C-alpha atoms as a PDB file:
ATOM      1  CA  UNK A   1     -39.530  71.056 -69.813  1.00  0.00           C
ATOM      2  CA  UNK A   2     -38.735  69.983 -73.368  1.00  0.00           C
ATOM      3  CA  UNK A   3     -41.771  68.506 -75.108  1.00  0.00           C
ATOM      4  CA  UNK A   4     -41.155  65.493 -77.313  1.00  0.00           C
ATOM      5  CA  UNK A   5     -43.155  62.578 -78.803  1.00  0.00           C
ATOM      6  CA  UNK A   6     -43.547  59.438 -76.679  1.00  0.00           C
ATOM      7  CA  UNK A   7     -45.683  57.442 -79.117  1.00  0.00           C
ATOM      8  CA  UNK A   8     -46.189  57.878 -82.840  1.00  0.00           C
ATOM      9  CA  UNK A   9     -49.095  56.127 -84.600  1.00  0.00           C
ATOM     10  CA  UNK A  10     -48.464  55.417 -88.264  1.00  0.00           C
ATOM     11  CA  UNK A  11     -50.539  54.051 -91.144  1.00  0.00           C
ATOM     12  CA  UNK A  12     -49.694  51.013 -93.286  1.00  0.00           C
ATOM     13  CA  UNK A  13     -47.430  53.170 -95.493  1.00  0.00           C
ATOM     14  CA  UNK A  14     -45.486  54.472 -92.495  1.00  0.00           C
ATOM     15  CA  UNK A  15     -46.962  57.988 -92.497  1.00  0.00           C
ATOM     16  CA  UNK A  16     -47.649  59.721 -89.167  1.00  0.00           C
ATOM     17  CA  UNK A  17     -51.320  59.774 -88.108  1.00  0.00           C
ATOM     18  CA  UNK A  18     -51.132  60.827 -84.474  1.00  0.00           C
ATOM     19  CA  UNK A  19     -48.590  61.570 -81.736  1.00  0.00           C
ATOM     20  CA  UNK A  20     -48.722  61.373 -77.959  1.00  0.00           C
ATOM     21  CA  UNK A  21     -46.368  63.808 -76.243  1.00  0.00           C
ATOM     22  CA  UNK A  22     -44.511  63.487 -72.932  1.00  0.00           C
ATOM     23  CA  UNK A  23     -46.855  66.138 -71.446  1.00  0.00           C
ATOM     24  CA  UNK A  24     -49.859  63.817 -72.005  1.00  0.00           C
ATOM     25  CA  UNK A  25     -51.310  65.679 -74.985  1.00  0.00           C
ATOM     26  CA  UNK A  26     -52.395  63.841 -78.130  1.00  0.00           C
ATOM     27  CA  UNK A  27     -52.308  65.476 -81.558  1.00  0.00           C
ATOM     28  CA  UNK A  28     -53.578  64.347 -84.945  1.00  0.00           C
ATOM     29  CA  UNK A  29     -51.720  65.198 -88.161  1.00  0.00           C
ATOM     30  CA  UNK A  30     -53.929  66.918 -90.745  1.00  0.00           C
ATOM     31  CA  UNK A  31     -53.239  67.940 -94.323  1.00  0.00           C
ATOM     32  CA  UNK A  32     -50.889  66.485 -96.883  1.00  0.00           C
ATOM     33  CA  UNK A  33     -47.484  66.931 -98.430  1.00  0.00           C
ATOM     34  CA  UNK A  34     -47.475  69.731-100.998  1.00  0.00           C
ATOM     35  CA  UNK A  35     -44.151  68.527-102.439  1.00  0.00           C
ATOM     36  CA  UNK A  36     -42.476  71.893-101.827  1.00  0.00           C
ATOM     37  CA  UNK A  37     -39.195  70.207-100.801  1.00  0.00           C
ATOM     38  CA  UNK A  38     -38.467  72.682 -97.989  1.00  0.00           C
ATOM     39  CA  UNK A  39     -38.207  69.936 -95.372  1.00  0.00           C
ATOM     40  CA  UNK A  40     -35.872  67.954 -97.675  1.00  0.00           C
ATOM     41  CA  UNK A  41     -33.635  70.966 -98.264  1.00  0.00           C
ATOM     42  CA  UNK A  42     -33.226  71.641 -94.517  1.00  0.00           C
ATOM     43  CA  UNK A  43     -31.698  68.285 -93.729  1.00  0.00           C
ATOM     44  CA  UNK A  44     -28.959  66.357 -95.387  1.00  0.00           C
ATOM     45  CA  UNK A  45     -31.143  64.376 -97.745  1.00  0.00           C
ATOM     46  CA  UNK A  46     -29.288  62.597-100.499  1.00  0.00           C
ATOM     47  CA  UNK A  47     -32.552  61.434-102.077  1.00  0.00           C
ATOM     48  CA  UNK A  48     -33.911  64.952-102.684  1.00  0.00           C
ATOM     49  CA  UNK A  49     -34.406  66.023-106.266  1.00  0.00           C
ATOM     50  CA  UNK A  50     -37.005  68.101-108.125  1.00  0.00           C
ATOM     51  CA  UNK A  51     -39.062  67.947-111.284  1.00  0.00           C
ATOM     52  CA  UNK A  52     -41.431  70.188-113.222  1.00  0.00           C
ATOM     53  CA  UNK A  53     -45.049  69.077-112.970  1.00  0.00           C
ATOM     54  CA  UNK A  54     -47.809  71.107-114.667  1.00  0.00           C
ATOM     55  CA  UNK A  55     -45.421  74.051-114.983  1.00  0.00           C
ATOM     56  CA  UNK A  56     -44.528  74.028-111.281  1.00  0.00           C
ATOM     57  CA  UNK A  57     -41.252  72.879-109.708  1.00  0.00           C
ATOM     58  CA  UNK A  58     -42.031  70.211-107.086  1.00  0.00           C
ATOM     59  CA  UNK A  59     -39.921  68.014-104.834  1.00  0.00           C
ATOM     60  CA  UNK A  60     -39.146  64.507-105.958  1.00  0.00           C
ATOM     61  CA  UNK A  61     -37.741  61.722-103.839  1.00  0.00           C
ATOM     62  CA  UNK A  62     -35.180  59.733-105.762  1.00  0.00           C
ATOM     63  CA  UNK A  63     -34.893  57.001-103.119  1.00  0.00           C
ATOM     64  CA  UNK A  64     -34.899  53.670-104.944  1.00  0.00           C
ATOM     65  CA  UNK A  65     -36.846  51.687-102.339  1.00  0.00           C
ATOM     66  CA  UNK A  66     -39.462  54.183-101.151  1.00  0.00           C
ATOM     67  CA  UNK A  67     -39.323  57.217 -98.904  1.00  0.00           C
ATOM     68  CA  UNK A  68     -36.594  57.218 -96.220  1.00  0.00           C
ATOM     69  CA  UNK A  69     -37.833  56.604 -92.645  1.00  0.00           C
ATOM     70  CA  UNK A  70     -37.173  60.174 -91.462  1.00  0.00           C
ATOM     71  CA  UNK A  71     -39.415  61.443 -94.262  1.00  0.00           C
ATOM     72  CA  UNK A  72     -42.236  58.997 -93.561  1.00  0.00           C
ATOM     73  CA  UNK A  73     -42.453  60.057 -89.930  1.00  0.00           C
ATOM     74  CA  UNK A  74     -42.500  63.790 -90.706  1.00  0.00           C
ATOM     75  CA  UNK A  75     -43.846  65.814 -88.868  1.00  0.00           C
ATOM     76  CA  UNK A  76     -43.636  64.501 -85.292  1.00  0.00           C
ATOM     77  CA  UNK A  77     -43.933  67.437 -82.879  1.00  0.00           C
ATOM     78  CA  UNK A  78     -46.639  70.152 -83.026  1.00  0.00           C
ATOM     79  CA  UNK A  79     -44.597  72.380 -80.673  1.00  0.00           C
ATOM     80  CA  UNK A  80     -41.486  72.357 -82.846  1.00  0.00           C
ATOM     81  CA  UNK A  81     -42.256  74.969 -85.489  1.00  0.00           C
ATOM     82  CA  UNK A  82     -38.672  74.765 -86.767  1.00  0.00           C
ATOM     83  CA  UNK A  83     -39.480  71.206 -87.824  1.00  0.00           C
ATOM     84  CA  UNK A  84     -42.343  72.284 -90.084  1.00  0.00           C
ATOM     85  CA  UNK A  85     -41.279  74.848 -92.705  1.00  0.00           C
ATOM     86  CA  UNK A  86     -43.382  77.882 -93.661  1.00  0.00           C
ATOM     87  CA  UNK A  87     -46.030  76.879 -96.206  1.00  0.00           C
ATOM     88  CA  UNK A  88     -45.981  73.184 -95.267  1.00  0.00           C
ATOM     89  CA  UNK A  89     -49.245  71.363 -96.053  1.00  0.00           C
ATOM     90  CA  UNK A  90     -49.284  69.560 -92.694  1.00  0.00           C
ATOM     91  CA  UNK A  91     -51.138  70.961 -89.675  1.00  0.00           C
ATOM     92  CA  UNK A  92     -51.985  69.702 -86.196  1.00  0.00           C
ATOM     93  CA  UNK A  93     -55.309  69.128 -84.442  1.00  0.00           C
ATOM     94  CA  UNK A  94     -55.392  68.554 -80.679  1.00  0.00           C
ATOM     95  CA  UNK A  95     -57.358  65.429 -79.732  1.00  0.00           C
END
């Protein structure tokens, strides 16, 4: 059986807080974006750019009106490791 999100709880900024999966499990998103840009590079993101901050190259979203929806709701499935690139600052905690 493919496991996928049924409900996604988001905060006032549209960021994912918690997901409920079709198998009945609930997971909480932990951590934060490290601005590595790996998730942006994987998809076809026309807003992706980068900048140098404190001597380190970091991802920069060039979207004029805030982060695109698909970025705000990242990540959405704790079982889909392909979704979350190596070194991503987000982790999952089972509730």
